C-alpha atoms as a PDB file:
ATOM      1  CA  UNK A   1    -120.291 160.827 -85.875  1.00  0.00           C
ATOM      2  CA  UNK A   2    -122.225 157.580 -87.684  1.00  0.00           C
ATOM      3  CA  UNK A   3    -120.396 155.959 -90.431  1.00  0.00           C
ATOM      4  CA  UNK A   4    -121.795 153.354 -92.922  1.00  0.00           C
ATOM      5  CA  UNK A   5    -119.409 150.988 -95.170  1.00  0.00           C
ATOM      6  CA  UNK A   6    -119.581 150.190 -98.720  1.00  0.00           C
ATOM      7  CA  UNK A   7    -119.490 146.909 -99.174  1.00  0.00           C
ATOM      8  CA  UNK A   8    -115.971 148.280-101.377  1.00  0.00           C
ATOM      9  CA  UNK A   9    -114.376 149.645 -98.089  1.00  0.00           C
ATOM     10  CA  UNK A  10    -115.486 146.311 -96.098  1.00  0.00           C
ATOM     11  CA  UNK A  11    -113.345 143.864 -98.862  1.00  0.00           C
ATOM     12  CA  UNK A  12    -110.173 146.312 -98.154  1.00  0.00           C
ATOM     13  CA  UNK A  13    -110.456 146.447 -94.722  1.00  0.00           C
ATOM     14  CA  UNK A  14    -110.411 142.531 -94.723  1.00  0.00           C
ATOM     15  CA  UNK A  15    -107.145 142.426 -97.060  1.00  0.00           C
ATOM     16  CA  UNK A  16    -105.360 144.793 -95.035  1.00  0.00           C
ATOM     17  CA  UNK A  17    -102.797 143.203 -92.116  1.00  0.00           C
ATOM     18  CA  UNK A  18    -103.983 143.198 -87.951  1.00  0.00           C
ATOM     19  CA  UNK A  19    -101.738 146.257 -87.285  1.00  0.00           C
ATOM     20  CA  UNK A  20    -103.110 148.416 -90.294  1.00  0.00           C
ATOM     21  CA  UNK A  21    -106.440 147.525 -89.581  1.00  0.00           C
ATOM     22  CA  UNK A  22    -105.817 148.869 -85.771  1.00  0.00           C
ATOM     23  CA  UNK A  23    -104.175 152.142 -87.319  1.00  0.00           C
ATOM     24  CA  UNK A  24    -107.696 152.342 -89.410  1.00  0.00           C
ATOM     25  CA  UNK A  25    -109.690 152.123 -86.110  1.00  0.00           C
ATOM     26  CA  UNK A  26    -107.580 154.556 -84.531  1.00  0.00           C
ATOM     27  CA  UNK A  27    -107.877 157.250 -87.175  1.00  0.00           C
ATOM     28  CA  UNK A  28    -111.731 156.487 -87.533  1.00  0.00           C
ATOM     29  CA  UNK A  29    -112.363 157.331 -83.756  1.00  0.00           C
ATOM     30  CA  UNK A  30    -110.186 160.330 -84.541  1.00  0.00           C
ATOM     31  CA  UNK A  31    -112.547 161.562 -87.106  1.00  0.00           C
ATOM     32  CA  UNK A  32    -115.569 160.752 -84.670  1.00  0.00           C
ATOM     33  CA  UNK A  33    -114.219 162.971 -82.030  1.00  0.00           C
ATOM     34  CA  UNK A  34    -112.590 165.552 -84.052  1.00  0.00           C
ATOM     35  CA  UNK A  35    -112.936 165.956 -87.562  1.00  0.00           C
ATOM     36  CA  UNK A  36    -109.917 169.053 -87.564  1.00  0.00           C
ATOM     37  CA  UNK A  37    -107.286 166.688 -85.731  1.00  0.00           C
ATOM     38  CA  UNK A  38    -103.859 167.466 -87.666  1.00  0.00           C
ATOM     39  CA  UNK A  39    -102.896 163.476 -87.607  1.00  0.00           C
ATOM     40  CA  UNK A  40    -105.500 162.926 -89.717  1.00  0.00           C
ATOM     41  CA  UNK A  41    -104.524 165.716 -92.541  1.00  0.00           C
ATOM     42  CA  UNK A  42    -108.438 165.923 -94.011  1.00  0.00           C
ATOM     43  CA  UNK A  43    -108.741 167.223 -97.086  1.00  0.00           C
ATOM     44  CA  UNK A  44    -110.891 167.152 -99.935  1.00  0.00           C
ATOM     45  CA  UNK A  45    -110.219 164.791-103.121  1.00  0.00           C
ATOM     46  CA  UNK A  46    -108.954 166.985-106.149  1.00  0.00           C
ATOM     47  CA  UNK A  47    -111.360 166.611-109.021  1.00  0.00           C
ATOM     48  CA  UNK A  48    -114.819 165.792-106.482  1.00  0.00           C
ATOM     49  CA  UNK A  49    -116.860 167.739-104.942  1.00  0.00           C
ATOM     50  CA  UNK A  50    -117.922 165.222-102.242  1.00  0.00           C
ATOM     51  CA  UNK A  51    -115.005 162.765-101.720  1.00  0.00           C
ATOM     52  CA  UNK A  52    -113.084 163.413 -98.600  1.00  0.00           C
ATOM     53  CA  UNK A  53    -109.824 161.506 -97.638  1.00  0.00           C
ATOM     54  CA  UNK A  54    -107.692 160.959 -94.231  1.00  0.00           C
ATOM     55  CA  UNK A  55    -104.799 159.353 -93.368  1.00  0.00           C
ATOM     56  CA  UNK A  56    -104.319 156.548 -91.143  1.00  0.00           C
ATOM     57  CA  UNK A  57    -100.636 155.948 -90.945  1.00  0.00           C
ATOM     58  CA  UNK A  58     -97.581 157.069 -93.409  1.00  0.00           C
ATOM     59  CA  UNK A  59     -99.363 154.688 -96.122  1.00  0.00           C
ATOM     60  CA  UNK A  60    -103.240 154.220 -95.801  1.00  0.00           C
ATOM     61  CA  UNK A  61    -105.527 156.515 -96.741  1.00  0.00           C
ATOM     62  CA  UNK A  62    -109.291 156.126 -96.194  1.00  0.00           C
ATOM     63  CA  UNK A  63    -111.387 157.708 -98.442  1.00  0.00           C
ATOM     64  CA  UNK A  64    -115.272 158.809 -97.271  1.00  0.00           C
ATOM     65  CA  UNK A  65    -118.441 160.788 -98.344  1.00  0.00           C
ATOM     66  CA  UNK A  66    -120.763 162.512 -95.512  1.00  0.00           C
ATOM     67  CA  UNK A  67    -124.310 162.000 -96.729  1.00  0.00           C
ATOM     68  CA  UNK A  68    -126.796 163.022 -93.924  1.00  0.00           C
ATOM     69  CA  UNK A  69    -124.514 163.375 -90.980  1.00  0.00           C
ATOM     70  CA  UNK A  70    -123.228 159.918 -91.833  1.00  0.00           C
ATOM     71  CA  UNK A  71    -119.786 159.224 -93.533  1.00  0.00           C
ATOM     72  CA  UNK A  72    -120.111 156.716 -95.887  1.00  0.00           C
ATOM     73  CA  UNK A  73    -116.610 154.960 -95.631  1.00  0.00           C
ATOM     74  CA  UNK A  74    -115.583 154.126 -99.565  1.00  0.00           C
ATOM     75  CA  UNK A  75    -112.657 152.615 -99.914  1.00  0.00           C
ATOM     76  CA  UNK A  76    -109.335 151.746 -97.210  1.00  0.00           C
ATOM     77  CA  UNK A  77    -105.806 151.290 -98.199  1.00  0.00           C
ATOM     78  CA  UNK A  78    -102.553 152.011 -99.125  1.00  0.00           C
ATOM     79  CA  UNK A  79    -102.150 155.589-100.604  1.00  0.00           C
ATOM     80  CA  UNK A  80    -101.711 155.177-104.705  1.00  0.00           C
ATOM     81  CA  UNK A  81    -104.443 152.009-105.013  1.00  0.00           C
ATOM     82  CA  UNK A  82    -106.850 153.807-103.050  1.00  0.00           C
ATOM     83  CA  UNK A  83    -106.029 156.713-104.384  1.00  0.00           C
ATOM     84  CA  UNK A  84    -106.699 155.898-108.193  1.00  0.00           C
ATOM     85  CA  UNK A  85    -109.861 154.878-107.589  1.00  0.00           C
ATOM     86  CA  UNK A  86    -111.779 156.875-104.453  1.00  0.00           C
END
């Protein structure tokens, strides 16, 4: 799976602590290798048709859309603030 990062994702990623960034990298590797990995807890965002969410640790979430077999990474961050505007 290929990834494309939005500017919003890049800004949010830079705000994370080093340990949180490592969790994000690990989650994205797992997503690329096996979307069904249970640790990701992949699910569609409520109220949307095309935005998906995965976990990168207890409190870190990543949202993305699939566009032409590319995962467009929308936002990353702590649970509540990230899922408020996926």
